Structures are given as C-alpha cells and as structure tokens.
Amino acid sequence: MPDDALTPQMKPGQLLARGVCRHLLSHDFVTVEELTPTLGLRVDVMALGPKGEIWVVECKSSRTDFQTDRKWQGYLEWCDRYFWAVDEAFPTELLPDETGLIVADSYDAEIVRMGPETKLAPARRKVMIQKFARHAALRWQAGRDPDLNMAVW
C-alpha cells in the first residue's frame, strides 16, 4: 500500500512522527513510537543511535497540543537528548530554548536546534535499551501475526 493511502487515516502527530523517524534513520538512528519509559509517561518517538544514544522526540501538532502537555519534563530523565517536533506553521517561540527542535512533515524532517546532551547513567541506559528492544520486538510480532492476543503488553 503506498504512503498516500495511509496518510488520511493517520492523526497529525502520527504524520509528524513518521517524518521524524524517516529523518532520524538518515542519521543512523532507529526509532520506535509510543514507548512507555515508566508508568504514566509515553513518548511519541524514541530513537536509538549507533553508539547507544537515546533521544526522545515529542510531536506537537498545534499550540493547544503543546500547551496541554504537562508531562514533557518527566521525559528528560529517560534520554540523552530531548526534542520537540513541529510543522512549519507551529509558533516555535512557545518551545523552551533549552530543548531540541525538529521541523517535520509527514515525509521528512530537519533538526533545527540540537537538544543539549545530558548523558544517562549506565544502569538507566541499559533499562531503556532493553525497553526499546522489547517494544520493537512486540510491534514486529504484532505485525507478523495480527491475530495474536497482545494483551500481555
């Protein structure tokens, strides 16, 4: 099925996430969407770099979407770098300067501002890489076997 056939079914944030994931792959980062690092938090995109770097990207499709996000600071302790992903029309002056910025559409993205690096502790990195691997494997398994009861997630 071509990309355009899926696009109408996807929400604006999902379209941004798709462009972000495509772009990060060009930087040799693999990605998963909607990963839960801890109870009560779910990141839009988590990226794993070739040297074990962990980036979190929150996709915001509107001013209201950003202004109602009360949890974003909780993501900072689960990554080495944190980014917002928004489209061209988003008022970027709303976003904190001390975070990264990615401008995206449904097909690609551009890193406009690199988020500051705050290295994860080795034990936290190990936990996150394991969560990333399990999340990716479960998604792959669900794609291979859509009738599988994924209630064990």
C-alpha atoms as a PDB file:
ATOM      1  CA  MET A   1       0.000   0.000   0.000  1.00  0.00           C
ATOM      2  CA  PRO A   2       1.516   3.384  -0.968  1.00  0.00           C
ATOM      3  CA  ASP A   3       2.223   6.007   1.705  1.00  0.00           C
ATOM      4  CA  ASP A   4      -0.551   8.288   0.444  1.00  0.00           C
ATOM      5  CA  ALA A   5      -3.167   5.585   1.059  1.00  0.00           C
ATOM      6  CA  LEU A   6      -2.249   5.523   4.788  1.00  0.00           C
ATOM      7  CA  THR A   7      -1.942   9.286   5.271  1.00  0.00           C
ATOM      8  CA  PRO A   8      -5.686  10.100   5.636  1.00  0.00           C
ATOM      9  CA  GLN A   9      -6.015   7.545   8.460  1.00  0.00           C
ATOM     10  CA  MET A  10      -3.136   8.987  10.472  1.00  0.00           C
ATOM     11  CA  LYS A  11      -3.502  11.789  13.021  1.00  0.00           C
ATOM     12  CA  PRO A  12      -1.370  14.957  12.668  1.00  0.00           C
ATOM     13  CA  GLY A  13       1.055  13.901  15.421  1.00  0.00           C
ATOM     14  CA  GLN A  14       1.492  10.490  13.804  1.00  0.00           C
ATOM     15  CA  LEU A  15       2.296  12.142  10.478  1.00  0.00           C
ATOM     16  CA  LEU A  16       4.955  14.284  12.172  1.00  0.00           C
ATOM     17  CA  ALA A  17       6.358  11.177  13.881  1.00  0.00           C
ATOM     18  CA  ARG A  18       6.633   9.413  10.529  1.00  0.00           C
ATOM     19  CA  GLY A  19       8.665  12.267   9.046  1.00  0.00           C
ATOM     20  CA  VAL A  20      10.854  12.422  12.172  1.00  0.00           C
ATOM     21  CA  CYS A  21      11.519   8.668  12.084  1.00  0.00           C
ATOM     22  CA  ARG A  22      12.467   8.832   8.408  1.00  0.00           C
ATOM     23  CA  HIS A  23      14.860  11.685   9.047  1.00  0.00           C
ATOM     24  CA  LEU A  24      16.483  10.107  12.094  1.00  0.00           C
ATOM     25  CA  LEU A  25      17.155   6.956  10.088  1.00  0.00           C
ATOM     26  CA  SER A  26      19.269   9.116   7.756  1.00  0.00           C
ATOM     27  CA  HIS A  27      21.396   9.874  10.870  1.00  0.00           C
ATOM     28  CA  ASP A  28      21.654   6.120  11.600  1.00  0.00           C
ATOM     29  CA  PHE A  29      19.119   6.257  14.464  1.00  0.00           C
ATOM     30  CA  VAL A  30      16.455   3.558  14.662  1.00  0.00           C
ATOM     31  CA  THR A  31      13.128   4.520  16.186  1.00  0.00           C
ATOM     32  CA  VAL A  32      10.022   3.251  17.909  1.00  0.00           C
ATOM     33  CA  GLU A  33       6.816   5.151  18.543  1.00  0.00           C
ATOM     34  CA  GLU A  34       4.695   5.354  21.685  1.00  0.00           C
ATOM     35  CA  LEU A  35       7.163   3.752  24.079  1.00  0.00           C
ATOM     36  CA  THR A  36       6.432   3.857  27.812  1.00  0.00           C
ATOM     37  CA  PRO A  37       9.658   4.526  29.728  1.00  0.00           C
ATOM     38  CA  THR A  38       7.830   4.415  33.080  1.00  0.00           C
ATOM     39  CA  LEU A  39       4.266   4.321  34.363  1.00  0.00           C
ATOM     40  CA  GLY A  40       2.339   7.437  33.336  1.00  0.00           C
ATOM     41  CA  LEU A  41       4.657   8.515  30.504  1.00  0.00           C
ATOM     42  CA  ARG A  42       4.502   7.614  26.813  1.00  0.00           C
ATOM     43  CA  VAL A  43       6.954   9.204  24.400  1.00  0.00           C
ATOM     44  CA  ASP A  44       5.939   9.848  20.812  1.00  0.00           C
ATOM     45  CA  VAL A  45       9.293   8.805  19.329  1.00  0.00           C
ATOM     46  CA  MET A  46      12.286   7.209  20.999  1.00  0.00           C
ATOM     47  CA  ALA A  47      15.436   6.960  18.910  1.00  0.00           C
ATOM     48  CA  LEU A  48      18.450   4.735  19.487  1.00  0.00           C
ATOM     49  CA  GLY A  49      21.705   5.847  17.914  1.00  0.00           C
ATOM     50  CA  PRO A  50      24.643   3.807  16.642  1.00  0.00           C
ATOM     51  CA  LYS A  51      26.634   4.430  19.842  1.00  0.00           C
ATOM     52  CA  GLY A  52      23.700   3.704  22.166  1.00  0.00           C
ATOM     53  CA  GLU A  53      22.489   7.319  22.332  1.00  0.00           C
ATOM     54  CA  ILE A  54      18.853   7.697  23.355  1.00  0.00           C
ATOM     55  CA  TRP A  55      16.800  10.606  22.079  1.00  0.00           C
ATOM     56  CA  VAL A  56      13.174  11.405  22.866  1.00  0.00           C
ATOM     57  CA  VAL A  57      11.059  13.388  20.407  1.00  0.00           C
ATOM     58  CA  GLU A  58       7.648  14.765  21.330  1.00  0.00           C
ATOM     59  CA  CYS A  59       5.483  15.629  18.316  1.00  0.00           C
ATOM     60  CA  LYS A  60       3.214  18.627  18.719  1.00  0.00           C
ATOM     61  CA  SER A  61       0.659  19.319  16.009  1.00  0.00           C
ATOM     62  CA  SER A  62      -0.779  22.556  17.422  1.00  0.00           C
ATOM     63  CA  ARG A  63      -0.405  25.293  20.022  1.00  0.00           C
ATOM     64  CA  THR A  64      -3.125  23.643  22.124  1.00  0.00           C
ATOM     65  CA  ASP A  65      -1.400  20.268  21.914  1.00  0.00           C
ATOM     66  CA  PHE A  66       1.777  21.845  23.319  1.00  0.00           C
ATOM     67  CA  GLN A  67       0.047  23.957  25.973  1.00  0.00           C
ATOM     68  CA  THR A  68      -1.868  20.988  27.384  1.00  0.00           C
ATOM     69  CA  ASP A  69       1.268  18.817  27.670  1.00  0.00           C
ATOM     70  CA  ARG A  70       2.034  18.721  31.387  1.00  0.00           C
ATOM     71  CA  LYS A  71       4.381  15.731  31.336  1.00  0.00           C
ATOM     72  CA  TRP A  72       7.197  16.645  28.956  1.00  0.00           C
ATOM     73  CA  GLN A  73       9.745  17.478  31.658  1.00  0.00           C
ATOM     74  CA  GLY A  74       9.317  13.954  33.006  1.00  0.00           C
ATOM     75  CA  TYR A  75      10.817  12.611  29.776  1.00  0.00           C
ATOM     76  CA  LEU A  76      14.152  14.378  30.322  1.00  0.00           C
ATOM     77  CA  GLU A  77      15.446  11.771  32.779  1.00  0.00           C
ATOM     78  CA  TRP A  78      14.885   8.983  30.217  1.00  0.00           C
ATOM     79  CA  CYS A  79      17.044  10.283  27.361  1.00  0.00           C
ATOM     80  CA  ASP A  80      20.383  11.797  26.405  1.00  0.00           C
ATOM     81  CA  ARG A  81      18.721  14.488  24.266  1.00  0.00           C
ATOM     82  CA  TYR A  82      15.150  15.801  24.114  1.00  0.00           C
ATOM     83  CA  PHE A  83      13.461  17.338  21.059  1.00  0.00           C
ATOM     84  CA  TRP A  84      10.148  18.836  20.027  1.00  0.00           C
ATOM     85  CA  ALA A  85       8.930  18.036  16.514  1.00  0.00           C
ATOM     86  CA  VAL A  86       6.528  20.518  14.961  1.00  0.00           C
ATOM     87  CA  ASP A  87       5.409  21.537  11.495  1.00  0.00           C
ATOM     88  CA  GLU A  88       6.391  24.744   9.682  1.00  0.00           C
ATOM     89  CA  ALA A  89       3.318  26.632  10.872  1.00  0.00           C
ATOM     90  CA  PHE A  90       3.892  25.943  14.574  1.00  0.00           C
ATOM     91  CA  PRO A  91       4.785  29.031  16.690  1.00  0.00           C
ATOM     92  CA  THR A  92       8.254  27.818  17.754  1.00  0.00           C
ATOM     93  CA  GLU A  93       8.723  30.762  20.149  1.00  0.00           C
ATOM     94  CA  LEU A  94       6.487  28.783  22.559  1.00  0.00           C
ATOM     95  CA  LEU A  95       9.048  26.000  22.855  1.00  0.00           C
ATOM     96  CA  PRO A  96      11.709  26.146  25.574  1.00  0.00           C
ATOM     97  CA  ASP A  97      15.118  27.240  24.217  1.00  0.00           C
ATOM     98  CA  GLU A  98      16.877  24.573  26.293  1.00  0.00           C
ATOM     99  CA  THR A  99      15.314  21.764  24.225  1.00  0.00           C
ATOM    100  CA  GLY A 100      15.957  20.489  20.733  1.00  0.00           C
ATOM    101  CA  LEU A 101      13.786  21.437  17.775  1.00  0.00           C
ATOM    102  CA  ILE A 102      12.872  19.410  14.702  1.00  0.00           C
ATOM    103  CA  VAL A 103      10.666  20.807  11.942  1.00  0.00           C
ATOM    104  CA  ALA A 104       8.857  17.971  10.202  1.00  0.00           C
ATOM    105  CA  ASP A 105       6.138  16.986   7.812  1.00  0.00           C
ATOM    106  CA  SER A 106       4.829  13.524   7.046  1.00  0.00           C
ATOM    107  CA  TYR A 107       7.713  12.701   4.704  1.00  0.00           C
ATOM    108  CA  ASP A 108      10.877  14.108   6.272  1.00  0.00           C
ATOM    109  CA  ALA A 109      12.246  16.481   8.872  1.00  0.00           C
ATOM    110  CA  GLU A 110      15.154  18.757   9.705  1.00  0.00           C
ATOM    111  CA  ILE A 111      16.947  19.161  13.019  1.00  0.00           C
ATOM    112  CA  VAL A 112      16.861  22.928  13.526  1.00  0.00           C
ATOM    113  CA  ARG A 113      18.298  23.012  17.047  1.00  0.00           C
ATOM    114  CA  MET A 114      20.188  20.187  18.729  1.00  0.00           C
ATOM    115  CA  GLY A 115      18.954  19.425  22.215  1.00  0.00           C
ATOM    116  CA  PRO A 116      21.584  19.698  24.936  1.00  0.00           C
ATOM    117  CA  GLU A 117      23.193  16.414  25.889  1.00  0.00           C
ATOM    118  CA  THR A 118      22.611  15.029  29.366  1.00  0.00           C
ATOM    119  CA  LYS A 119      24.119  11.548  29.454  1.00  0.00           C
ATOM    120  CA  LEU A 120      22.035   8.815  31.019  1.00  0.00           C
ATOM    121  CA  ALA A 121      23.546   6.805  33.849  1.00  0.00           C
ATOM    122  CA  PRO A 122      24.733   3.376  32.590  1.00  0.00           C
ATOM    123  CA  ALA A 123      22.055   1.489  34.559  1.00  0.00           C
ATOM    124  CA  ARG A 124      19.268   3.724  33.171  1.00  0.00           C
ATOM    125  CA  ARG A 125      20.689   3.373  29.620  1.00  0.00           C
ATOM    126  CA  LYS A 126      20.626  -0.429  29.954  1.00  0.00           C
ATOM    127  CA  VAL A 127      16.991  -0.353  31.101  1.00  0.00           C
ATOM    128  CA  MET A 128      15.995   1.937  28.227  1.00  0.00           C
ATOM    129  CA  ILE A 129      17.773  -0.125  25.578  1.00  0.00           C
ATOM    130  CA  GLN A 130      16.023  -3.238  26.897  1.00  0.00           C
ATOM    131  CA  LYS A 131      12.636  -1.464  26.844  1.00  0.00           C
ATOM    132  CA  PHE A 132      13.365  -0.240  23.324  1.00  0.00           C
ATOM    133  CA  ALA A 133      14.268  -3.755  22.129  1.00  0.00           C
ATOM    134  CA  ARG A 134      11.212  -5.372  23.720  1.00  0.00           C
ATOM    135  CA  HIS A 135       8.892  -2.666  22.374  1.00  0.00           C
ATOM    136  CA  ALA A 136      10.289  -3.045  18.855  1.00  0.00           C
ATOM    137  CA  ALA A 137      10.086  -6.847  19.007  1.00  0.00           C
ATOM    138  CA  LEU A 138       6.480  -6.793  20.236  1.00  0.00           C
ATOM    139  CA  ARG A 139       5.496  -4.391  17.455  1.00  0.00           C
ATOM    140  CA  TRP A 140       7.213  -6.602  14.895  1.00  0.00           C
ATOM    141  CA  GLN A 141       5.495  -9.700  16.263  1.00  0.00           C
ATOM    142  CA  ALA A 142       2.081  -7.995  16.189  1.00  0.00           C
ATOM    143  CA  GLY A 143       2.712  -7.014  12.563  1.00  0.00           C
ATOM    144  CA  ARG A 144       3.636 -10.576  11.618  1.00  0.00           C
ATOM    145  CA  ASP A 145       0.704 -12.105  13.493  1.00  0.00           C
ATOM    146  CA  PRO A 146      -2.180  -9.613  13.735  1.00  0.00           C
ATOM    147  CA  ASP A 147      -4.467 -12.235  15.303  1.00  0.00           C
ATOM    148  CA  LEU A 148      -2.108 -12.689  18.252  1.00  0.00           C
ATOM    149  CA  ASN A 149      -3.579 -11.564  21.569  1.00  0.00           C
ATOM    150  CA  MET A 150      -1.246  -8.723  22.545  1.00  0.00           C
ATOM    151  CA  ALA A 151      -2.942  -8.232  25.908  1.00  0.00           C
ATOM    152  CA  VAL A 152       0.329  -9.314  27.505  1.00  0.00           C
ATOM    153  CA  TRP A 153       1.885  -5.963  26.514  1.00  0.00           C
END
